[in-house]
Amino acid sequence: MSSPSKRREMDVMKLMMSDYTVETINDGLNDFNVEFHGPKESLYEGGVWKIHVELPDAYPYKSPSIGFVNKIYHPNVDELSGSVCLDVINQSWSPMFDLLNVFEVFLPQLLLYPNPSDPLNGDAASLMMKDRKQYDQKVKEYCEQYAKKENITNSISEVDSGNEDTSDEESGGFSDDDVAGHADP
């Protein structure tokens, strides 16, 4: 069997050669962003997200860390940090899986079948259980406002309203002055 570093390289290259757009961070294979499209026939269809992936040193024996860079309204995704409550990945992760499984199986399943009983976003979970129609509408509003191609293409090079709440490491090194200085003409 190949070493973990060779497996990491192979999995990242396989992801890069697939239909996904992959952007490495600091030219490494441990930290990168992937363009992810919402699954067809879901509330998230038509949405485009930048997914931040961090591979632990023990990958593939330990699951990758996954987070949404641009906002998404979902019970199992923290609205501010974008971190994903992926018990499916953490509990059922096996070295047999690769990074393509994350984007072709795990994330689509997460978006198609949210679990409001194990929330990271309590408001989304509560709304989903109380008023499904209103929840569906809010998901669509978030997709319209934050999950467009321009949100992910500009999220590092340009500060826009769609990514004010990205984490410090994802903000592309902007200072508070860069973000706050938008005066009306």
N, C-alpha and C. Protein backbone atom coordinates (compact mmCIF):
# COMPACT_ATOMS: atom_id res chain seq x y z
N MET A 1 0.84 -1.20 0.00
CA MET A 1 0.00 0.00 0.00
C MET A 1 0.88 1.25 0.00
N SER A 2 0.42 2.28 -0.65
CA SER A 2 1.21 3.51 -0.75
C SER A 2 1.19 4.28 0.56
N SER A 3 2.15 5.17 0.72
CA SER A 3 2.24 5.98 1.93
C SER A 3 1.13 7.01 1.95
N PRO A 4 0.78 7.54 3.16
CA PRO A 4 -0.26 8.57 3.23
C PRO A 4 0.03 9.78 2.36
N SER A 5 1.30 10.20 2.23
CA SER A 5 1.59 11.39 1.41
C SER A 5 1.36 11.11 -0.07
N LYS A 6 1.69 9.91 -0.53
CA LYS A 6 1.42 9.55 -1.92
C LYS A 6 -0.08 9.45 -2.15
N ARG A 7 -0.79 8.93 -1.20
CA ARG A 7 -2.25 8.81 -1.32
C ARG A 7 -2.88 10.20 -1.37
N ARG A 8 -2.40 11.10 -0.52
CA ARG A 8 -2.89 12.48 -0.50
C ARG A 8 -2.69 13.10 -1.88
N GLU A 9 -1.48 12.99 -2.42
CA GLU A 9 -1.18 13.54 -3.74
C GLU A 9 -2.10 12.95 -4.80
N MET A 10 -2.28 11.64 -4.75
CA MET A 10 -3.11 10.95 -5.74
C MET A 10 -4.57 11.43 -5.65
N ASP A 11 -5.09 11.56 -4.43
CA ASP A 11 -6.48 11.97 -4.24
C ASP A 11 -6.70 13.42 -4.68
N VAL A 12 -5.76 14.30 -4.35
CA VAL A 12 -5.89 15.70 -4.74
C VAL A 12 -5.79 15.81 -6.26
N MET A 13 -4.86 15.10 -6.88
CA MET A 13 -4.72 15.14 -8.33
C MET A 13 -5.98 14.59 -9.01
N LYS A 14 -6.53 13.53 -8.46
CA LYS A 14 -7.77 12.95 -9.00
C LYS A 14 -8.90 13.98 -8.95
N LEU A 15 -8.98 14.72 -7.85
CA LEU A 15 -10.00 15.76 -7.70
C LEU A 15 -9.74 16.88 -8.71
N MET A 16 -8.49 17.26 -8.90
CA MET A 16 -8.14 18.32 -9.85
C MET A 16 -8.44 17.92 -11.29
N MET A 17 -8.32 16.66 -11.60
CA MET A 17 -8.57 16.19 -12.96
C MET A 17 -10.05 15.91 -13.21
N SER A 18 -10.86 16.00 -12.19
CA SER A 18 -12.30 15.80 -12.33
C SER A 18 -12.94 17.10 -12.83
N ASP A 19 -14.25 17.18 -12.77
CA ASP A 19 -14.95 18.39 -13.22
C ASP A 19 -14.92 19.51 -12.19
N TYR A 20 -14.30 19.29 -11.04
CA TYR A 20 -14.28 20.30 -9.99
C TYR A 20 -13.12 21.27 -10.20
N THR A 21 -13.36 22.54 -9.89
CA THR A 21 -12.31 23.54 -9.92
C THR A 21 -11.65 23.54 -8.55
N VAL A 22 -10.34 23.30 -8.52
CA VAL A 22 -9.59 23.21 -7.27
C VAL A 22 -8.55 24.32 -7.25
N GLU A 23 -8.50 25.05 -6.14
CA GLU A 23 -7.55 26.15 -5.96
C GLU A 23 -6.72 25.85 -4.72
N THR A 24 -5.43 25.54 -4.92
CA THR A 24 -4.59 25.23 -3.76
C THR A 24 -4.24 26.52 -3.03
N ILE A 25 -4.00 26.39 -1.74
CA ILE A 25 -3.62 27.52 -0.90
C ILE A 25 -2.17 27.32 -0.49
N ASN A 26 -1.35 28.32 -0.69
CA ASN A 26 0.09 28.24 -0.38
C ASN A 26 0.77 27.09 -1.12
N ASP A 27 0.31 26.77 -2.31
CA ASP A 27 0.90 25.74 -3.16
C ASP A 27 1.05 24.38 -2.49
N GLY A 28 0.24 24.10 -1.49
CA GLY A 28 0.32 22.80 -0.83
C GLY A 28 -0.86 21.93 -1.19
N LEU A 29 -0.77 20.67 -0.79
CA LEU A 29 -1.86 19.74 -1.05
C LEU A 29 -2.69 19.47 0.20
N ASN A 30 -2.39 20.17 1.29
CA ASN A 30 -3.14 19.96 2.53
C ASN A 30 -4.29 20.93 2.70
N ASP A 31 -4.27 22.02 1.97
CA ASP A 31 -5.19 23.13 2.18
C ASP A 31 -5.60 23.68 0.83
N PHE A 32 -6.89 23.56 0.49
CA PHE A 32 -7.34 24.03 -0.82
C PHE A 32 -8.83 24.31 -0.81
N ASN A 33 -9.29 24.99 -1.85
CA ASN A 33 -10.71 25.29 -2.03
C ASN A 33 -11.22 24.58 -3.27
N VAL A 34 -12.48 24.17 -3.21
CA VAL A 34 -13.10 23.47 -4.32
C VAL A 34 -14.43 24.14 -4.64
N GLU A 35 -14.69 24.36 -5.92
CA GLU A 35 -15.98 24.91 -6.36
C GLU A 35 -17.01 23.78 -6.37
N PHE A 36 -18.09 23.98 -5.62
CA PHE A 36 -19.12 22.94 -5.46
C PHE A 36 -20.48 23.50 -5.87
N HIS A 37 -21.18 22.76 -6.71
CA HIS A 37 -22.52 23.16 -7.17
C HIS A 37 -23.57 22.37 -6.41
N GLY A 38 -24.65 23.07 -6.02
CA GLY A 38 -25.75 22.42 -5.31
C GLY A 38 -26.33 21.28 -6.13
N PRO A 39 -26.75 20.20 -5.46
CA PRO A 39 -27.27 19.04 -6.19
C PRO A 39 -28.56 19.36 -6.96
N LYS A 40 -28.71 18.71 -8.10
CA LYS A 40 -29.92 18.87 -8.91
C LYS A 40 -31.14 18.41 -8.11
N GLU A 41 -32.25 19.04 -8.40
CA GLU A 41 -33.54 18.73 -7.77
C GLU A 41 -33.50 18.90 -6.25
N SER A 42 -32.71 19.87 -5.80
CA SER A 42 -32.69 20.20 -4.38
C SER A 42 -32.94 21.70 -4.26
N LEU A 43 -33.17 22.16 -3.03
CA LEU A 43 -33.32 23.59 -2.79
C LEU A 43 -32.05 24.36 -3.16
N TYR A 44 -30.93 23.66 -3.16
CA TYR A 44 -29.63 24.28 -3.40
C TYR A 44 -29.21 24.25 -4.87
N GLU A 45 -30.06 23.69 -5.74
CA GLU A 45 -29.74 23.62 -7.16
C GLU A 45 -29.52 25.03 -7.71
N GLY A 46 -28.46 25.18 -8.49
CA GLY A 46 -28.12 26.49 -9.05
C GLY A 46 -27.14 27.27 -8.19
N GLY A 47 -26.99 26.86 -6.93
CA GLY A 47 -26.04 27.53 -6.04
C GLY A 47 -24.63 27.03 -6.27
N VAL A 48 -23.66 27.93 -6.07
CA VAL A 48 -22.24 27.59 -6.21
C VAL A 48 -21.53 28.03 -4.94
N TRP A 49 -20.80 27.10 -4.33
CA TRP A 49 -20.08 27.41 -3.10
C TRP A 49 -18.62 27.10 -3.25
N LYS A 50 -17.82 27.86 -2.52
CA LYS A 50 -16.41 27.55 -2.39
C LYS A 50 -16.30 26.75 -1.09
N ILE A 51 -15.78 25.54 -1.21
CA ILE A 51 -15.61 24.65 -0.06
C ILE A 51 -14.13 24.63 0.31
N HIS A 52 -13.85 24.95 1.56
CA HIS A 52 -12.48 24.91 2.06
C HIS A 52 -12.20 23.50 2.59
N VAL A 53 -11.12 22.90 2.14
CA VAL A 53 -10.76 21.55 2.56
C VAL A 53 -9.38 21.58 3.19
N GLU A 54 -9.28 20.98 4.36
CA GLU A 54 -7.98 20.80 5.02
C GLU A 54 -7.78 19.31 5.24
N LEU A 55 -6.66 18.81 4.79
CA LEU A 55 -6.35 17.40 4.98
C LEU A 55 -5.43 17.25 6.19
N PRO A 56 -5.84 16.45 7.15
CA PRO A 56 -4.99 16.24 8.33
C PRO A 56 -3.75 15.42 7.95
N ASP A 57 -2.73 15.49 8.79
CA ASP A 57 -1.51 14.73 8.52
C ASP A 57 -1.81 13.24 8.37
N ALA A 58 -2.82 12.75 9.09
CA ALA A 58 -3.14 11.33 9.07
C ALA A 58 -4.08 10.93 7.92
N TYR A 59 -4.38 11.86 7.01
CA TYR A 59 -5.22 11.51 5.86
C TYR A 59 -4.51 10.43 5.05
N PRO A 60 -5.16 9.41 4.58
CA PRO A 60 -6.60 9.13 4.50
C PRO A 60 -7.17 8.37 5.69
N TYR A 61 -6.36 8.18 6.73
CA TYR A 61 -6.86 7.44 7.89
C TYR A 61 -7.74 8.30 8.77
N LYS A 62 -7.62 9.61 8.63
CA LYS A 62 -8.48 10.57 9.33
C LYS A 62 -9.20 11.40 8.27
N SER A 63 -10.46 11.72 8.52
CA SER A 63 -11.28 12.42 7.52
C SER A 63 -10.82 13.86 7.32
N PRO A 64 -11.09 14.40 6.12
CA PRO A 64 -10.75 15.81 5.86
C PRO A 64 -11.68 16.74 6.63
N SER A 65 -11.22 17.96 6.85
CA SER A 65 -12.02 19.00 7.47
C SER A 65 -12.63 19.83 6.33
N ILE A 66 -13.96 20.04 6.39
CA ILE A 66 -14.69 20.67 5.29
C ILE A 66 -15.45 21.89 5.82
N GLY A 67 -15.45 22.98 5.05
CA GLY A 67 -16.22 24.16 5.44
C GLY A 67 -16.65 24.98 4.24
N PHE A 68 -17.83 25.59 4.32
CA PHE A 68 -18.32 26.49 3.27
C PHE A 68 -17.71 27.86 3.48
N VAL A 69 -17.14 28.45 2.42
CA VAL A 69 -16.56 29.78 2.51
C VAL A 69 -17.66 30.83 2.37
N ASN A 70 -18.52 30.70 1.35
CA ASN A 70 -19.64 31.63 1.23
C ASN A 70 -20.84 31.05 1.98
N LYS A 71 -21.75 31.92 2.40
CA LYS A 71 -22.85 31.53 3.29
C LYS A 71 -23.80 30.52 2.66
N ILE A 72 -24.31 29.65 3.53
CA ILE A 72 -25.34 28.70 3.16
C ILE A 72 -26.29 28.57 4.35
N TYR A 73 -27.57 28.43 4.07
CA TYR A 73 -28.55 28.26 5.15
C TYR A 73 -28.89 26.78 5.22
N HIS A 74 -28.43 26.14 6.29
CA HIS A 74 -28.58 24.69 6.43
C HIS A 74 -28.44 24.34 7.91
N PRO A 75 -29.29 23.44 8.43
CA PRO A 75 -29.21 23.09 9.86
C PRO A 75 -27.86 22.53 10.29
N ASN A 76 -27.14 21.87 9.39
CA ASN A 76 -25.90 21.19 9.77
C ASN A 76 -24.64 21.93 9.33
N VAL A 77 -24.81 23.24 9.01
CA VAL A 77 -23.66 24.07 8.65
C VAL A 77 -23.73 25.34 9.50
N ASP A 78 -22.65 25.64 10.22
CA ASP A 78 -22.60 26.85 11.03
C ASP A 78 -22.64 28.06 10.11
N GLU A 79 -23.59 28.96 10.32
CA GLU A 79 -23.79 30.09 9.41
C GLU A 79 -22.60 31.04 9.39
N LEU A 80 -21.97 31.27 10.52
CA LEU A 80 -20.87 32.23 10.57
C LEU A 80 -19.53 31.65 10.11
N SER A 81 -19.20 30.47 10.59
CA SER A 81 -17.88 29.90 10.25
C SER A 81 -17.91 29.05 8.99
N GLY A 82 -19.09 28.53 8.63
CA GLY A 82 -19.19 27.65 7.47
C GLY A 82 -18.79 26.22 7.76
N SER A 83 -18.42 25.94 9.02
CA SER A 83 -18.02 24.57 9.34
C SER A 83 -19.21 23.62 9.19
N VAL A 84 -18.88 22.41 8.80
CA VAL A 84 -19.90 21.42 8.47
C VAL A 84 -19.96 20.36 9.56
N CYS A 85 -21.17 20.07 9.98
CA CYS A 85 -21.39 18.98 10.92
C CYS A 85 -21.56 17.72 10.08
N LEU A 86 -20.47 17.09 9.76
CA LEU A 86 -20.56 15.93 8.89
C LEU A 86 -20.26 14.66 9.67
N ASP A 87 -21.21 14.28 10.54
CA ASP A 87 -21.05 13.03 11.26
C ASP A 87 -20.86 11.88 10.28
N VAL A 88 -21.51 12.00 9.13
CA VAL A 88 -21.40 10.96 8.11
C VAL A 88 -19.95 10.78 7.71
N ILE A 89 -19.24 11.89 7.52
CA ILE A 89 -17.83 11.78 7.15
C ILE A 89 -17.00 11.30 8.34
N ASN A 90 -17.18 11.93 9.49
CA ASN A 90 -16.34 11.59 10.63
C ASN A 90 -16.59 10.18 11.16
N GLN A 91 -17.85 9.77 11.24
CA GLN A 91 -18.16 8.47 11.82
C GLN A 91 -17.98 7.33 10.83
N SER A 92 -18.28 7.57 9.57
CA SER A 92 -18.20 6.47 8.61
C SER A 92 -17.00 6.59 7.68
N TRP A 93 -16.12 7.55 7.95
CA TRP A 93 -14.95 7.73 7.10
C TRP A 93 -14.07 6.49 7.16
N SER A 94 -13.58 6.13 6.01
CA SER A 94 -12.68 5.00 5.89
C SER A 94 -11.62 5.37 4.85
N PRO A 95 -10.41 4.82 4.97
CA PRO A 95 -9.39 5.09 3.96
C PRO A 95 -9.81 4.62 2.56
N MET A 96 -10.89 3.85 2.49
CA MET A 96 -11.40 3.43 1.17
C MET A 96 -12.00 4.62 0.42
N PHE A 97 -12.47 5.64 1.15
CA PHE A 97 -13.04 6.83 0.51
C PHE A 97 -11.92 7.74 0.03
N ASP A 98 -12.25 8.57 -0.95
CA ASP A 98 -11.30 9.58 -1.39
C ASP A 98 -12.01 10.93 -1.45
N LEU A 99 -11.29 11.96 -1.89
CA LEU A 99 -11.85 13.30 -1.90
C LEU A 99 -13.04 13.43 -2.85
N LEU A 100 -13.05 12.68 -3.94
CA LEU A 100 -14.20 12.72 -4.84
C LEU A 100 -15.47 12.29 -4.12
N ASN A 101 -15.35 11.32 -3.20
CA ASN A 101 -16.53 10.88 -2.43
C ASN A 101 -17.13 12.03 -1.64
N VAL A 102 -16.28 12.92 -1.13
CA VAL A 102 -16.75 14.06 -0.35
C VAL A 102 -17.67 14.93 -1.21
N PHE A 103 -17.24 15.18 -2.45
CA PHE A 103 -17.99 16.10 -3.32
C PHE A 103 -19.07 15.43 -4.16
N GLU A 104 -18.97 14.14 -4.36
CA GLU A 104 -19.97 13.45 -5.17
C GLU A 104 -20.99 12.70 -4.34
N VAL A 105 -20.67 12.43 -3.07
CA VAL A 105 -21.60 11.69 -2.23
C VAL A 105 -21.94 12.43 -0.93
N PHE A 106 -20.93 12.70 -0.11
CA PHE A 106 -21.19 13.24 1.22
C PHE A 106 -21.87 14.61 1.21
N LEU A 107 -21.29 15.58 0.50
CA LEU A 107 -21.90 16.92 0.49
C LEU A 107 -23.28 16.94 -0.19
N PRO A 108 -23.45 16.27 -1.35
CA PRO A 108 -24.81 16.22 -1.91
C PRO A 108 -25.82 15.59 -0.95
N GLN A 109 -25.43 14.52 -0.26
CA GLN A 109 -26.33 13.89 0.70
C GLN A 109 -26.68 14.84 1.84
N LEU A 110 -25.68 15.59 2.30
CA LEU A 110 -25.90 16.57 3.37
C LEU A 110 -26.95 17.60 2.94
N LEU A 111 -26.82 18.11 1.71
CA LEU A 111 -27.75 19.14 1.24
C LEU A 111 -29.12 18.56 0.91
N LEU A 112 -29.16 17.35 0.41
CA LEU A 112 -30.45 16.73 0.07
C LEU A 112 -31.23 16.27 1.31
N TYR A 113 -30.51 15.86 2.35
CA TYR A 113 -31.15 15.29 3.54
C TYR A 113 -30.63 15.94 4.82
N PRO A 114 -31.01 17.20 5.07
CA PRO A 114 -30.55 17.87 6.30
C PRO A 114 -31.08 17.15 7.54
N ASN A 115 -30.31 17.23 8.62
CA ASN A 115 -30.70 16.58 9.87
C ASN A 115 -30.91 17.65 10.95
N PRO A 116 -32.16 18.12 11.13
CA PRO A 116 -32.40 19.19 12.10
C PRO A 116 -32.26 18.73 13.55
N SER A 117 -32.15 17.43 13.79
CA SER A 117 -32.01 16.97 15.17
C SER A 117 -30.57 17.01 15.67
N ASP A 118 -29.62 17.34 14.79
CA ASP A 118 -28.21 17.47 15.17
C ASP A 118 -27.65 18.75 14.54
N PRO A 119 -28.18 19.93 14.97
CA PRO A 119 -27.86 21.16 14.25
C PRO A 119 -26.57 21.85 14.68
N LEU A 120 -25.96 22.54 13.72
CA LEU A 120 -24.93 23.54 13.99
C LEU A 120 -25.55 24.93 13.85
N ASN A 121 -26.64 25.02 13.08
CA ASN A 121 -27.40 26.25 12.93
C ASN A 121 -28.79 26.00 13.52
N GLY A 122 -28.93 26.36 14.79
CA GLY A 122 -30.19 26.10 15.51
C GLY A 122 -31.38 26.81 14.91
N ASP A 123 -31.16 28.03 14.38
CA ASP A 123 -32.27 28.77 13.76
C ASP A 123 -32.79 28.04 12.53
N ALA A 124 -31.88 27.56 11.70
CA ALA A 124 -32.29 26.82 10.49
C ALA A 124 -33.01 25.53 10.87
N ALA A 125 -32.49 24.83 11.87
CA ALA A 125 -33.11 23.57 12.30
C ALA A 125 -34.51 23.82 12.84
N SER A 126 -34.64 24.84 13.68
CA SER A 126 -35.94 25.17 14.27
C SER A 126 -36.95 25.57 13.19
N LEU A 127 -36.53 26.42 12.27
CA LEU A 127 -37.42 26.86 11.20
C LEU A 127 -37.82 25.68 10.31
N MET A 128 -36.88 24.80 10.04
CA MET A 128 -37.17 23.64 9.20
C MET A 128 -38.25 22.76 9.84
N MET A 129 -38.16 22.59 11.16
CA MET A 129 -39.14 21.74 11.86
C MET A 129 -40.48 22.44 12.04
N LYS A 130 -40.47 23.77 12.24
CA LYS A 130 -41.71 24.50 12.50
C LYS A 130 -42.46 24.90 11.24
N ASP A 131 -41.72 25.37 10.23
CA ASP A 131 -42.37 25.92 9.03
C ASP A 131 -41.51 25.59 7.80
N ARG A 132 -41.75 24.44 7.23
CA ARG A 132 -40.91 23.96 6.12
C ARG A 132 -40.97 24.91 4.92
N LYS A 133 -42.12 25.48 4.66
CA LYS A 133 -42.27 26.38 3.52
C LYS A 133 -41.39 27.62 3.70
N GLN A 134 -41.40 28.19 4.90
CA GLN A 134 -40.59 29.37 5.18
C GLN A 134 -39.09 29.01 5.16
N TYR A 135 -38.75 27.83 5.67
CA TYR A 135 -37.36 27.34 5.64
C TYR A 135 -36.89 27.23 4.19
N ASP A 136 -37.71 26.60 3.34
CA ASP A 136 -37.36 26.45 1.93
C ASP A 136 -37.11 27.81 1.28
N GLN A 137 -37.96 28.77 1.61
CA GLN A 137 -37.83 30.12 1.05
C GLN A 137 -36.51 30.76 1.49
N LYS A 138 -36.16 30.59 2.76
CA LYS A 138 -34.92 31.19 3.27
C LYS A 138 -33.69 30.54 2.62
N VAL A 139 -33.73 29.23 2.39
CA VAL A 139 -32.64 28.54 1.70
C VAL A 139 -32.46 29.15 0.31
N LYS A 140 -33.56 29.33 -0.39
CA LYS A 140 -33.51 29.88 -1.75
C LYS A 140 -32.99 31.32 -1.74
N GLU A 141 -33.39 32.12 -0.73
CA GLU A 141 -32.90 33.50 -0.60
C GLU A 141 -31.39 33.51 -0.41
N TYR A 142 -30.88 32.62 0.44
CA TYR A 142 -29.43 32.54 0.68
C TYR A 142 -28.71 32.13 -0.60
N CYS A 143 -29.28 31.18 -1.33
CA CYS A 143 -28.67 30.76 -2.60
C CYS A 143 -28.59 31.93 -3.56
N GLU A 144 -29.67 32.69 -3.63
CA GLU A 144 -29.73 33.84 -4.54
C GLU A 144 -28.72 34.92 -4.12
N GLN A 145 -28.61 35.14 -2.82
CA GLN A 145 -27.77 36.23 -2.33
C GLN A 145 -26.28 35.85 -2.22
N TYR A 146 -25.98 34.62 -1.82
CA TYR A 146 -24.59 34.28 -1.49
C TYR A 146 -23.96 33.20 -2.36
N ALA A 147 -24.76 32.42 -3.09
CA ALA A 147 -24.22 31.25 -3.78
C ALA A 147 -24.23 31.42 -5.30
N LYS A 148 -23.67 32.51 -5.74
CA LYS A 148 -23.53 32.75 -7.18
C LYS A 148 -22.06 32.64 -7.54
N LYS A 149 -21.80 32.35 -8.78
CA LYS A 149 -20.42 32.17 -9.26
C LYS A 149 -19.55 33.37 -8.87
N GLU A 150 -20.11 34.58 -8.99
CA GLU A 150 -19.30 35.77 -8.67
C GLU A 150 -18.93 35.82 -7.18
N ASN A 151 -19.74 35.22 -6.30
CA ASN A 151 -19.41 35.20 -4.88
C ASN A 151 -18.14 34.41 -4.61
N ILE A 152 -17.95 33.33 -5.35
CA ILE A 152 -16.76 32.52 -5.08
C ILE A 152 -15.57 33.00 -5.88
N THR A 153 -15.78 33.58 -7.04
CA THR A 153 -14.65 34.05 -7.85
C THR A 153 -14.03 35.28 -7.22
N ASN A 154 -14.85 36.12 -6.60
CA ASN A 154 -14.35 37.36 -6.03
C ASN A 154 -14.08 37.28 -4.54
N SER A 155 -14.35 36.16 -3.91
CA SER A 155 -14.33 36.13 -2.45
C SER A 155 -12.95 36.38 -1.86
N ILE A 156 -11.89 36.08 -2.56
CA ILE A 156 -10.57 36.36 -2.00
C ILE A 156 -10.02 37.66 -2.56
N SER A 157 -10.23 37.92 -3.85
CA SER A 157 -9.62 39.10 -4.46
C SER A 157 -10.40 40.38 -4.21
N GLU A 158 -11.65 40.26 -3.82
CA GLU A 158 -12.49 41.45 -3.69
C GLU A 158 -13.46 41.22 -2.53
N VAL A 159 -13.62 42.19 -1.68
CA VAL A 159 -14.57 42.06 -0.59
C VAL A 159 -15.93 42.51 -1.09
N ASP A 160 -16.94 41.64 -0.93
CA ASP A 160 -18.30 42.03 -1.29
C ASP A 160 -19.24 41.63 -0.17
N SER A 161 -20.48 41.99 -0.28
CA SER A 161 -21.43 41.73 0.81
C SER A 161 -21.66 40.26 1.03
N GLY A 162 -21.32 39.42 0.11
CA GLY A 162 -21.56 37.99 0.24
C GLY A 162 -20.56 37.27 1.10
N ASN A 163 -19.48 37.93 1.52
CA ASN A 163 -18.51 37.18 2.31
C ASN A 163 -17.97 37.98 3.48
N GLU A 164 -18.78 38.83 4.06
CA GLU A 164 -18.34 39.61 5.21
C GLU A 164 -17.98 38.71 6.38
N ASP A 165 -18.63 37.57 6.49
CA ASP A 165 -18.46 36.72 7.65
C ASP A 165 -17.50 35.58 7.43
N THR A 166 -16.66 35.63 6.39
CA THR A 166 -15.69 34.56 6.21
C THR A 166 -14.67 34.63 7.33
N SER A 167 -14.05 33.50 7.62
CA SER A 167 -13.08 33.46 8.70
C SER A 167 -11.85 34.26 8.30
N ASP A 168 -11.00 34.60 9.28
CA ASP A 168 -9.81 35.40 9.02
C ASP A 168 -8.91 34.74 7.99
N GLU A 169 -8.76 33.41 8.07
CA GLU A 169 -7.86 32.76 7.14
C GLU A 169 -8.40 32.77 5.72
N GLU A 170 -9.70 32.94 5.56
CA GLU A 170 -10.30 32.95 4.23
C GLU A 170 -10.48 34.35 3.67
N SER A 171 -10.24 35.37 4.48
CA SER A 171 -10.54 36.73 4.03
C SER A 171 -9.49 37.27 3.08
N GLY A 172 -8.43 36.50 2.84
CA GLY A 172 -7.42 36.94 1.90
C GLY A 172 -6.51 38.01 2.47
N GLY A 173 -6.50 38.17 3.81
CA GLY A 173 -5.59 39.08 4.45
C GLY A 173 -6.06 40.53 4.45
N PHE A 174 -7.32 40.80 4.27
CA PHE A 174 -7.83 42.16 4.31
C PHE A 174 -7.84 42.65 5.75
N SER A 175 -7.50 43.89 5.95
CA SER A 175 -7.59 44.47 7.29
C SER A 175 -9.00 45.00 7.50
N ASP A 176 -9.33 45.34 8.73
CA ASP A 176 -10.64 45.90 9.04
C ASP A 176 -10.89 47.17 8.24
N ASP A 177 -9.83 47.95 8.00
CA ASP A 177 -9.98 49.19 7.24
C ASP A 177 -10.41 48.91 5.80
N ASP A 178 -9.87 47.84 5.21
CA ASP A 178 -10.24 47.49 3.83
C ASP A 178 -11.72 47.15 3.74
N VAL A 179 -12.26 46.48 4.74
CA VAL A 179 -13.64 46.03 4.71
C VAL A 179 -14.60 47.18 5.05
N ALA A 180 -14.20 48.02 6.00
CA ALA A 180 -15.13 49.03 6.51
C ALA A 180 -15.24 50.28 5.65
N GLY A 181 -14.34 50.49 4.69
CA GLY A 181 -14.28 51.77 4.02
C GLY A 181 -15.19 51.97 2.82
N HIS A 182 -16.40 51.47 2.81
CA HIS A 182 -17.30 51.65 1.66
C HIS A 182 -18.31 52.76 1.96
N ALA A 183 -17.95 54.00 1.63
CA ALA A 183 -18.85 55.11 1.86
C ALA A 183 -19.77 55.31 0.66
N ASP A 184 -20.94 55.83 0.91
CA ASP A 184 -21.86 56.12 -0.20
C ASP A 184 -21.36 57.35 -0.95
N PRO A 185 -21.47 57.35 -2.30
CA PRO A 185 -20.98 58.52 -3.07
C PRO A 185 -21.85 59.74 -2.86
